[in-house]
Amino acid sequence: MIFQSAPNQNVKKPKILRSPIAVWIAIVCLLFLAFPAVAGSVNTYQVTGPVLALTNDMIAVQKGKDRWELGRDASTKVDGDLKVGSKVTIQYRMVAISVTVKPEKSTKKAK
């Protein structure tokens, strides 16, 4: 004889994401998942001024009394007609191109 249990009508099924606490927990979890992408990115800066000089690998811009020279390559996006005298806003990042570690100074031996 095979016994079948009758479905229990008193068992409540969990109501996932119906309580406000569960919604907040889900939001916080999504924010923590997105945080490493933001934390690992390099800061972006900008400089605005007239173009003083322009080559295929450099743009020189006047900022106040200073001349700023920024490197550029084929991946640099240019919107509009870039030429000397144009007022531009350049978005840039500071990226290390080399790092030299200096040897530690040896401590003098006490006699």
C-alpha atoms as a PDB file:
ATOM      1  CA  MET A   1       0.000   0.000   0.000  1.00  0.00           C
ATOM      2  CA  ILE A   2       1.337   3.423  -0.972  1.00  0.00           C
ATOM      3  CA  PHE A   3       0.721   6.230   1.425  1.00  0.00           C
ATOM      4  CA  GLN A   4       0.347   9.734   0.165  1.00  0.00           C
ATOM      5  CA  SER A   5       0.456  12.584   2.546  1.00  0.00           C
ATOM      6  CA  ALA A   6      -2.264  15.131   2.264  1.00  0.00           C
ATOM      7  CA  PRO A   7      -1.053  18.609   1.390  1.00  0.00           C
ATOM      8  CA  ASN A   8      -0.657  20.648   4.525  1.00  0.00           C
ATOM      9  CA  GLN A   9      -2.848  23.706   4.210  1.00  0.00           C
ATOM     10  CA  ASN A  10      -1.270  25.405   7.237  1.00  0.00           C
ATOM     11  CA  VAL A  11       2.262  25.743   5.767  1.00  0.00           C
ATOM     12  CA  LYS A  12       2.973  29.333   4.725  1.00  0.00           C
ATOM     13  CA  LYS A  13       5.139  29.884   1.690  1.00  0.00           C
ATOM     14  CA  PRO A  14       7.882  32.524   2.071  1.00  0.00           C
ATOM     15  CA  LYS A  15       7.085  35.883   0.560  1.00  0.00           C
ATOM     16  CA  ILE A  16      10.453  36.887  -0.846  1.00  0.00           C
ATOM     17  CA  LEU A  17      10.921  40.607  -1.493  1.00  0.00           C
ATOM     18  CA  ARG A  18       7.485  41.484  -0.145  1.00  0.00           C
ATOM     19  CA  SER A  19       8.703  42.896   3.121  1.00  0.00           C
ATOM     20  CA  PRO A  20      10.466  46.273   3.188  1.00  0.00           C
ATOM     21  CA  ILE A  21      13.485  44.763   4.955  1.00  0.00           C
ATOM     22  CA  ALA A  22      14.033  42.223   2.172  1.00  0.00           C
ATOM     23  CA  VAL A  23      13.835  44.994  -0.434  1.00  0.00           C
ATOM     24  CA  TRP A  24      16.460  47.060   1.420  1.00  0.00           C
ATOM     25  CA  ILE A  25      18.721  44.031   1.799  1.00  0.00           C
ATOM     26  CA  ALA A  26      18.480  43.397  -1.955  1.00  0.00           C
ATOM     27  CA  ILE A  27      19.329  47.045  -2.733  1.00  0.00           C
ATOM     28  CA  VAL A  28      22.333  47.032  -0.399  1.00  0.00           C
ATOM     29  CA  CYS A  29      23.597  43.783  -1.951  1.00  0.00           C
ATOM     30  CA  LEU A  30      23.362  45.277  -5.448  1.00  0.00           C
ATOM     31  CA  LEU A  31      25.246  48.387  -4.324  1.00  0.00           C
ATOM     32  CA  PHE A  32      28.045  46.279  -2.841  1.00  0.00           C
ATOM     33  CA  LEU A  33      28.300  44.348  -6.092  1.00  0.00           C
ATOM     34  CA  ALA A  34      28.623  47.592  -8.067  1.00  0.00           C
ATOM     35  CA  PHE A  35      31.079  49.219  -5.619  1.00  0.00           C
ATOM     36  CA  PRO A  36      34.282  47.448  -6.801  1.00  0.00           C
ATOM     37  CA  ALA A  37      33.754  48.760 -10.332  1.00  0.00           C
ATOM     38  CA  VAL A  38      33.596  52.326  -9.009  1.00  0.00           C
ATOM     39  CA  ALA A  39      36.355  51.953  -6.432  1.00  0.00           C
ATOM     40  CA  GLY A  40      38.849  50.563  -8.926  1.00  0.00           C
ATOM     41  CA  SER A  41      38.481  53.281 -11.525  1.00  0.00           C
ATOM     42  CA  VAL A  42      40.973  56.132 -11.918  1.00  0.00           C
ATOM     43  CA  ASN A  43      39.761  59.683 -11.290  1.00  0.00           C
ATOM     44  CA  THR A  44      38.954  61.823 -14.329  1.00  0.00           C
ATOM     45  CA  TYR A  45      39.871  65.528 -14.388  1.00  0.00           C
ATOM     46  CA  GLN A  46      39.254  68.338 -16.854  1.00  0.00           C
ATOM     47  CA  VAL A  47      40.959  71.443 -18.152  1.00  0.00           C
ATOM     48  CA  THR A  48      39.286  74.195 -20.200  1.00  0.00           C
ATOM     49  CA  GLY A  49      40.935  76.856 -22.338  1.00  0.00           C
ATOM     50  CA  PRO A  50      42.019  77.855 -25.827  1.00  0.00           C
ATOM     51  CA  VAL A  51      44.174  75.486 -27.871  1.00  0.00           C
ATOM     52  CA  LEU A  52      47.717  76.888 -28.258  1.00  0.00           C
ATOM     53  CA  ALA A  53      49.288  74.051 -30.256  1.00  0.00           C
ATOM     54  CA  LEU A  54      48.089  70.822 -31.783  1.00  0.00           C
ATOM     55  CA  THR A  55      49.858  67.717 -33.115  1.00  0.00           C
ATOM     56  CA  ASN A  56      48.846  64.104 -33.674  1.00  0.00           C
ATOM     57  CA  ASP A  57      50.105  63.163 -30.203  1.00  0.00           C
ATOM     58  CA  MET A  58      49.728  66.391 -28.143  1.00  0.00           C
ATOM     59  CA  ILE A  59      47.289  69.207 -27.378  1.00  0.00           C
ATOM     60  CA  ALA A  60      48.548  72.378 -25.655  1.00  0.00           C
ATOM     61  CA  VAL A  61      45.908  74.416 -23.784  1.00  0.00           C
ATOM     62  CA  GLN A  62      46.170  77.779 -21.997  1.00  0.00           C
ATOM     63  CA  LYS A  63      44.832  77.528 -18.421  1.00  0.00           C
ATOM     64  CA  GLY A  64      45.183  80.863 -16.703  1.00  0.00           C
ATOM     65  CA  LYS A  65      48.861  81.823 -17.086  1.00  0.00           C
ATOM     66  CA  ASP A  66      49.975  78.201 -17.512  1.00  0.00           C
ATOM     67  CA  ARG A  67      50.448  76.144 -20.653  1.00  0.00           C
ATOM     68  CA  TRP A  68      49.137  72.591 -20.253  1.00  0.00           C
ATOM     69  CA  GLU A  69      50.396  69.932 -22.643  1.00  0.00           C
ATOM     70  CA  LEU A  70      48.317  66.755 -22.746  1.00  0.00           C
ATOM     71  CA  GLY A  71      49.216  63.675 -24.736  1.00  0.00           C
ATOM     72  CA  ARG A  72      46.735  62.065 -27.091  1.00  0.00           C
ATOM     73  CA  ASP A  73      46.570  59.025 -29.365  1.00  0.00           C
ATOM     74  CA  ALA A  74      44.220  57.374 -31.851  1.00  0.00           C
ATOM     75  CA  SER A  75      41.796  56.421 -29.062  1.00  0.00           C
ATOM     76  CA  THR A  76      41.256  60.074 -28.023  1.00  0.00           C
ATOM     77  CA  LYS A  77      37.658  61.012 -28.846  1.00  0.00           C
ATOM     78  CA  VAL A  78      37.276  64.457 -30.451  1.00  0.00           C
ATOM     79  CA  ASP A  79      33.859  66.093 -30.839  1.00  0.00           C
ATOM     80  CA  GLY A  80      33.851  69.030 -33.260  1.00  0.00           C
ATOM     81  CA  ASP A  81      36.498  70.771 -35.353  1.00  0.00           C
ATOM     82  CA  LEU A  82      39.685  70.765 -33.260  1.00  0.00           C
ATOM     83  CA  LYS A  83      42.126  73.501 -34.288  1.00  0.00           C
ATOM     84  CA  VAL A  84      44.466  76.079 -32.766  1.00  0.00           C
ATOM     85  CA  GLY A  85      42.458  78.884 -31.145  1.00  0.00           C
ATOM     86  CA  SER A  86      39.390  76.737 -30.417  1.00  0.00           C
ATOM     87  CA  LYS A  87      38.111  76.815 -26.843  1.00  0.00           C
ATOM     88  CA  VAL A  88      38.053  73.225 -25.582  1.00  0.00           C
ATOM     89  CA  THR A  89      37.326  71.216 -22.464  1.00  0.00           C
ATOM     90  CA  ILE A  90      39.580  68.186 -22.165  1.00  0.00           C
ATOM     91  CA  GLN A  91      38.810  65.227 -19.918  1.00  0.00           C
ATOM     92  CA  TYR A  92      42.002  63.462 -18.813  1.00  0.00           C
ATOM     93  CA  ARG A  93      43.390  60.920 -16.339  1.00  0.00           C
ATOM     94  CA  MET A  94      46.723  60.848 -14.559  1.00  0.00           C
ATOM     95  CA  VAL A  95      48.321  57.477 -15.306  1.00  0.00           C
ATOM     96  CA  ALA A  96      51.773  56.335 -14.241  1.00  0.00           C
ATOM     97  CA  ILE A  97      54.028  55.377 -17.136  1.00  0.00           C
ATOM     98  CA  SER A  98      56.909  54.099 -14.992  1.00  0.00           C
ATOM     99  CA  VAL A  99      57.799  53.569 -11.342  1.00  0.00           C
ATOM    100  CA  THR A 100      61.343  53.465  -9.954  1.00  0.00           C
ATOM    101  CA  VAL A 101      61.758  52.167  -6.431  1.00  0.00           C
ATOM    102  CA  LYS A 102      64.704  53.698  -4.609  1.00  0.00           C
ATOM    103  CA  PRO A 103      66.810  51.404  -2.431  1.00  0.00           C
ATOM    104  CA  GLU A 104      66.321  51.833   1.290  1.00  0.00           C
ATOM    105  CA  LYS A 105      69.016  53.741   3.128  1.00  0.00           C
ATOM    106  CA  SER A 106      71.063  51.441   5.320  1.00  0.00           C
ATOM    107  CA  THR A 107      71.109  52.289   8.985  1.00  0.00           C
ATOM    108  CA  LYS A 108      74.471  53.070  10.559  1.00  0.00           C
ATOM    109  CA  LYS A 109      75.724  50.316  12.830  1.00  0.00           C
ATOM    110  CA  ALA A 110      76.205  51.355  16.441  1.00  0.00           C
ATOM    111  CA  LYS A 111      79.644  50.551  17.915  1.00  0.00           C
END
